[in-house]
Amino acid sequence: MSEQDKLVGLEEKFYVSRADGSPNHEHCFFFVLDITDDPLSRVALRSYAEAAARAGYLPLAQDLMQKLEEIESRETRLRNIRGRS
């Protein structure tokens, strides 16, 4: 994220549709997280995963934590490769 990004509030960037083709719930607000490129989104997703686990949504919590670990592991590998160059 750039310094300019810090000056921008909430903005509409994405259109969200359901993968199964059914309609979105009326009047819903969707917030898209880019967990690959936005480090702040990982903090939010980790908190969501922890809340899901506390609420009993264990498979969802495990899937989200696994995805975060995959991304963080890949970044660590890339940093190590770049450090050897």
N, C-alpha and C. Protein backbone atom coordinates (compact mmCIF):
# COMPACT_ATOMS: atom_id res chain seq x y z
N MET A 1 0.83 -1.18 0.00
CA MET A 1 0.00 0.00 0.00
C MET A 1 0.88 1.24 0.00
N SER A 2 0.40 2.23 -0.69
CA SER A 2 1.19 3.46 -0.81
C SER A 2 0.75 4.48 0.23
N GLU A 3 1.52 5.54 0.35
CA GLU A 3 1.14 6.63 1.25
C GLU A 3 -0.18 7.25 0.79
N GLN A 4 -0.39 7.31 -0.51
CA GLN A 4 -1.64 7.86 -1.06
C GLN A 4 -2.84 7.02 -0.60
N ASP A 5 -2.66 5.71 -0.50
CA ASP A 5 -3.76 4.85 -0.05
C ASP A 5 -4.23 5.22 1.35
N LYS A 6 -3.35 5.76 2.17
CA LYS A 6 -3.71 6.13 3.54
C LYS A 6 -4.66 7.31 3.58
N LEU A 7 -4.73 8.06 2.49
CA LEU A 7 -5.57 9.25 2.43
C LEU A 7 -6.97 8.97 1.88
N VAL A 8 -7.20 7.74 1.44
CA VAL A 8 -8.47 7.37 0.81
C VAL A 8 -9.31 6.58 1.81
N GLY A 9 -10.56 6.95 1.91
CA GLY A 9 -11.48 6.21 2.78
C GLY A 9 -12.07 5.01 2.04
N LEU A 10 -13.19 4.58 2.52
CA LEU A 10 -13.89 3.46 1.92
C LEU A 10 -14.38 3.86 0.53
N GLU A 11 -14.08 3.04 -0.45
CA GLU A 11 -14.53 3.33 -1.80
C GLU A 11 -15.00 2.06 -2.48
N GLU A 12 -15.90 2.21 -3.40
CA GLU A 12 -16.45 1.07 -4.12
C GLU A 12 -15.50 0.67 -5.24
N LYS A 13 -14.90 -0.52 -5.11
CA LYS A 13 -13.92 -0.98 -6.09
C LYS A 13 -14.34 -2.27 -6.79
N PHE A 14 -15.19 -3.06 -6.17
CA PHE A 14 -15.49 -4.39 -6.68
C PHE A 14 -16.99 -4.64 -6.75
N TYR A 15 -17.37 -5.45 -7.70
CA TYR A 15 -18.73 -5.99 -7.77
C TYR A 15 -18.65 -7.42 -7.28
N VAL A 16 -19.53 -7.80 -6.39
CA VAL A 16 -19.51 -9.13 -5.81
C VAL A 16 -20.75 -9.89 -6.26
N SER A 17 -20.54 -11.11 -6.72
CA SER A 17 -21.66 -11.99 -7.05
C SER A 17 -21.40 -13.36 -6.45
N ARG A 18 -22.45 -14.10 -6.25
CA ARG A 18 -22.33 -15.42 -5.62
C ARG A 18 -21.82 -16.44 -6.64
N ALA A 19 -20.96 -17.32 -6.19
CA ALA A 19 -20.38 -18.34 -7.07
C ALA A 19 -21.43 -19.32 -7.58
N ASP A 20 -22.48 -19.54 -6.79
CA ASP A 20 -23.51 -20.49 -7.22
C ASP A 20 -24.56 -19.86 -8.13
N GLY A 21 -24.42 -18.57 -8.42
CA GLY A 21 -25.32 -17.89 -9.34
C GLY A 21 -26.59 -17.37 -8.70
N SER A 22 -26.84 -17.69 -7.44
CA SER A 22 -28.04 -17.18 -6.79
C SER A 22 -27.85 -15.70 -6.47
N PRO A 23 -28.95 -14.98 -6.29
CA PRO A 23 -28.81 -13.53 -6.07
C PRO A 23 -28.23 -13.21 -4.69
N ASN A 24 -27.53 -12.08 -4.62
CA ASN A 24 -27.05 -11.59 -3.32
C ASN A 24 -28.26 -11.21 -2.47
N HIS A 25 -28.09 -11.27 -1.17
CA HIS A 25 -29.15 -10.81 -0.28
C HIS A 25 -29.36 -9.32 -0.49
N GLU A 26 -30.60 -8.91 -0.49
CA GLU A 26 -30.93 -7.51 -0.72
C GLU A 26 -30.36 -6.64 0.41
N HIS A 27 -29.82 -5.52 0.06
CA HIS A 27 -29.29 -4.52 1.00
C HIS A 27 -28.03 -4.98 1.73
N CYS A 28 -27.33 -5.95 1.22
CA CYS A 28 -26.09 -6.40 1.85
C CYS A 28 -24.93 -5.50 1.42
N PHE A 29 -24.00 -5.34 2.32
CA PHE A 29 -22.76 -4.61 2.04
C PHE A 29 -21.63 -5.63 2.07
N PHE A 30 -20.85 -5.69 1.02
CA PHE A 30 -19.73 -6.63 0.94
C PHE A 30 -18.43 -5.85 1.01
N PHE A 31 -17.48 -6.39 1.75
CA PHE A 31 -16.17 -5.76 1.92
C PHE A 31 -15.12 -6.77 1.48
N VAL A 32 -14.38 -6.46 0.44
CA VAL A 32 -13.42 -7.39 -0.15
C VAL A 32 -12.05 -7.18 0.48
N LEU A 33 -11.41 -8.27 0.90
CA LEU A 33 -10.06 -8.20 1.46
C LEU A 33 -9.06 -8.80 0.47
N ASP A 34 -7.98 -8.11 0.25
CA ASP A 34 -6.89 -8.61 -0.60
C ASP A 34 -5.79 -9.13 0.33
N ILE A 35 -5.88 -10.39 0.70
CA ILE A 35 -4.92 -10.93 1.67
C ILE A 35 -3.56 -11.23 1.05
N THR A 36 -3.46 -11.12 -0.26
CA THR A 36 -2.17 -11.33 -0.91
C THR A 36 -1.30 -10.09 -0.82
N ASP A 37 -1.88 -8.93 -1.09
CA ASP A 37 -1.08 -7.70 -1.19
C ASP A 37 -1.31 -6.68 -0.08
N ASP A 38 -2.33 -6.86 0.74
CA ASP A 38 -2.65 -5.87 1.77
C ASP A 38 -2.43 -6.48 3.15
N PRO A 39 -1.33 -6.11 3.83
CA PRO A 39 -1.05 -6.69 5.15
C PRO A 39 -2.13 -6.40 6.19
N LEU A 40 -2.82 -5.26 6.07
CA LEU A 40 -3.89 -4.95 7.02
C LEU A 40 -5.04 -5.95 6.90
N SER A 41 -5.27 -6.43 5.70
CA SER A 41 -6.38 -7.37 5.51
C SER A 41 -6.10 -8.69 6.22
N ARG A 42 -4.84 -9.04 6.37
CA ARG A 42 -4.51 -10.29 7.07
C ARG A 42 -4.86 -10.19 8.54
N VAL A 43 -4.64 -9.02 9.12
CA VAL A 43 -5.00 -8.81 10.53
C VAL A 43 -6.51 -8.98 10.68
N ALA A 44 -7.26 -8.38 9.77
CA ALA A 44 -8.73 -8.48 9.81
C ALA A 44 -9.18 -9.93 9.63
N LEU A 45 -8.58 -10.63 8.67
CA LEU A 45 -9.00 -12.00 8.41
C LEU A 45 -8.63 -12.93 9.56
N ARG A 46 -7.47 -12.70 10.17
CA ARG A 46 -7.07 -13.51 11.33
C ARG A 46 -8.08 -13.31 12.48
N SER A 47 -8.49 -12.07 12.71
CA SER A 47 -9.49 -11.79 13.75
C SER A 47 -10.81 -12.47 13.42
N TYR A 48 -11.20 -12.44 12.16
CA TYR A 48 -12.44 -13.09 11.74
C TYR A 48 -12.34 -14.59 11.96
N ALA A 49 -11.22 -15.18 11.60
CA ALA A 49 -11.02 -16.62 11.79
C ALA A 49 -11.10 -16.99 13.28
N GLU A 50 -10.50 -16.18 14.12
CA GLU A 50 -10.54 -16.44 15.56
C GLU A 50 -11.97 -16.33 16.08
N ALA A 51 -12.71 -15.33 15.61
CA ALA A 51 -14.11 -15.17 16.02
C ALA A 51 -14.95 -16.35 15.51
N ALA A 52 -14.68 -16.80 14.29
CA ALA A 52 -15.39 -17.95 13.74
C ALA A 52 -15.15 -19.19 14.59
N ALA A 53 -13.91 -19.39 15.02
CA ALA A 53 -13.59 -20.54 15.86
C ALA A 53 -14.33 -20.46 17.19
N ARG A 54 -14.33 -19.28 17.80
CA ARG A 54 -15.04 -19.11 19.08
C ARG A 54 -16.54 -19.36 18.93
N ALA A 55 -17.09 -19.03 17.76
CA ALA A 55 -18.53 -19.21 17.51
C ALA A 55 -18.86 -20.63 17.06
N GLY A 56 -17.83 -21.48 16.91
CA GLY A 56 -18.08 -22.88 16.55
C GLY A 56 -17.98 -23.20 15.07
N TYR A 57 -17.56 -22.24 14.26
CA TYR A 57 -17.38 -22.49 12.82
C TYR A 57 -15.95 -22.98 12.58
N LEU A 58 -15.66 -24.14 13.11
CA LEU A 58 -14.28 -24.63 13.10
C LEU A 58 -13.72 -24.90 11.71
N PRO A 59 -14.46 -25.56 10.80
CA PRO A 59 -13.89 -25.76 9.46
C PRO A 59 -13.58 -24.44 8.75
N LEU A 60 -14.46 -23.46 8.88
CA LEU A 60 -14.21 -22.15 8.27
C LEU A 60 -12.97 -21.51 8.88
N ALA A 61 -12.88 -21.53 10.19
CA ALA A 61 -11.73 -20.93 10.88
C ALA A 61 -10.44 -21.62 10.45
N GLN A 62 -10.46 -22.94 10.36
CA GLN A 62 -9.26 -23.68 9.95
C GLN A 62 -8.88 -23.36 8.51
N ASP A 63 -9.87 -23.28 7.63
CA ASP A 63 -9.59 -22.95 6.22
C ASP A 63 -8.98 -21.56 6.09
N LEU A 64 -9.53 -20.59 6.82
CA LEU A 64 -9.00 -19.23 6.74
C LEU A 64 -7.58 -19.15 7.28
N MET A 65 -7.32 -19.81 8.40
CA MET A 65 -5.97 -19.79 8.97
C MET A 65 -4.99 -20.50 8.05
N GLN A 66 -5.42 -21.58 7.42
CA GLN A 66 -4.54 -22.28 6.48
C GLN A 66 -4.19 -21.39 5.30
N LYS A 67 -5.17 -20.65 4.79
CA LYS A 67 -4.91 -19.75 3.66
C LYS A 67 -3.92 -18.66 4.06
N LEU A 68 -4.10 -18.09 5.25
CA LEU A 68 -3.15 -17.09 5.73
C LEU A 68 -1.75 -17.66 5.86
N GLU A 69 -1.65 -18.86 6.40
CA GLU A 69 -0.34 -19.50 6.56
C GLU A 69 0.32 -19.76 5.21
N GLU A 70 -0.47 -20.18 4.22
CA GLU A 70 0.07 -20.42 2.88
C GLU A 70 0.67 -19.14 2.30
N ILE A 71 -0.04 -18.05 2.41
CA ILE A 71 0.43 -16.78 1.85
C ILE A 71 1.66 -16.29 2.60
N GLU A 72 1.64 -16.37 3.92
CA GLU A 72 2.79 -15.91 4.69
C GLU A 72 4.01 -16.80 4.46
N SER A 73 3.80 -18.09 4.29
CA SER A 73 4.91 -19.00 4.00
C SER A 73 5.52 -18.71 2.64
N ARG A 74 4.66 -18.44 1.65
CA ARG A 74 5.15 -18.11 0.31
C ARG A 74 5.96 -16.82 0.34
N GLU A 75 5.49 -15.84 1.09
CA GLU A 75 6.23 -14.58 1.19
C GLU A 75 7.58 -14.78 1.86
N THR A 76 7.63 -15.62 2.87
CA THR A 76 8.90 -15.91 3.54
C THR A 76 9.87 -16.57 2.58
N ARG A 77 9.39 -17.52 1.78
CA ARG A 77 10.25 -18.17 0.79
C ARG A 77 10.77 -17.15 -0.21
N LEU A 78 9.91 -16.26 -0.68
CA LEU A 78 10.34 -15.25 -1.65
C LEU A 78 11.37 -14.31 -1.06
N ARG A 79 11.17 -13.90 0.19
CA ARG A 79 12.17 -13.04 0.85
C ARG A 79 13.51 -13.75 0.97
N ASN A 80 13.47 -15.03 1.30
CA ASN A 80 14.71 -15.79 1.42
C ASN A 80 15.42 -15.92 0.08
N ILE A 81 14.67 -16.14 -0.98
CA ILE A 81 15.26 -16.23 -2.33
C ILE A 81 15.87 -14.90 -2.71
N ARG A 82 15.15 -13.83 -2.47
CA ARG A 82 15.66 -12.49 -2.82
C ARG A 82 16.90 -12.15 -1.98
N GLY A 83 16.95 -12.62 -0.76
CA GLY A 83 18.08 -12.35 0.12
C GLY A 83 19.35 -13.04 -0.33
N ARG A 84 19.21 -14.15 -1.06
CA ARG A 84 20.38 -14.88 -1.57
C ARG A 84 20.94 -14.26 -2.83
N SER A 85 20.14 -13.46 -3.52
CA SER A 85 20.58 -12.88 -4.79
C SER A 85 21.61 -11.79 -4.59
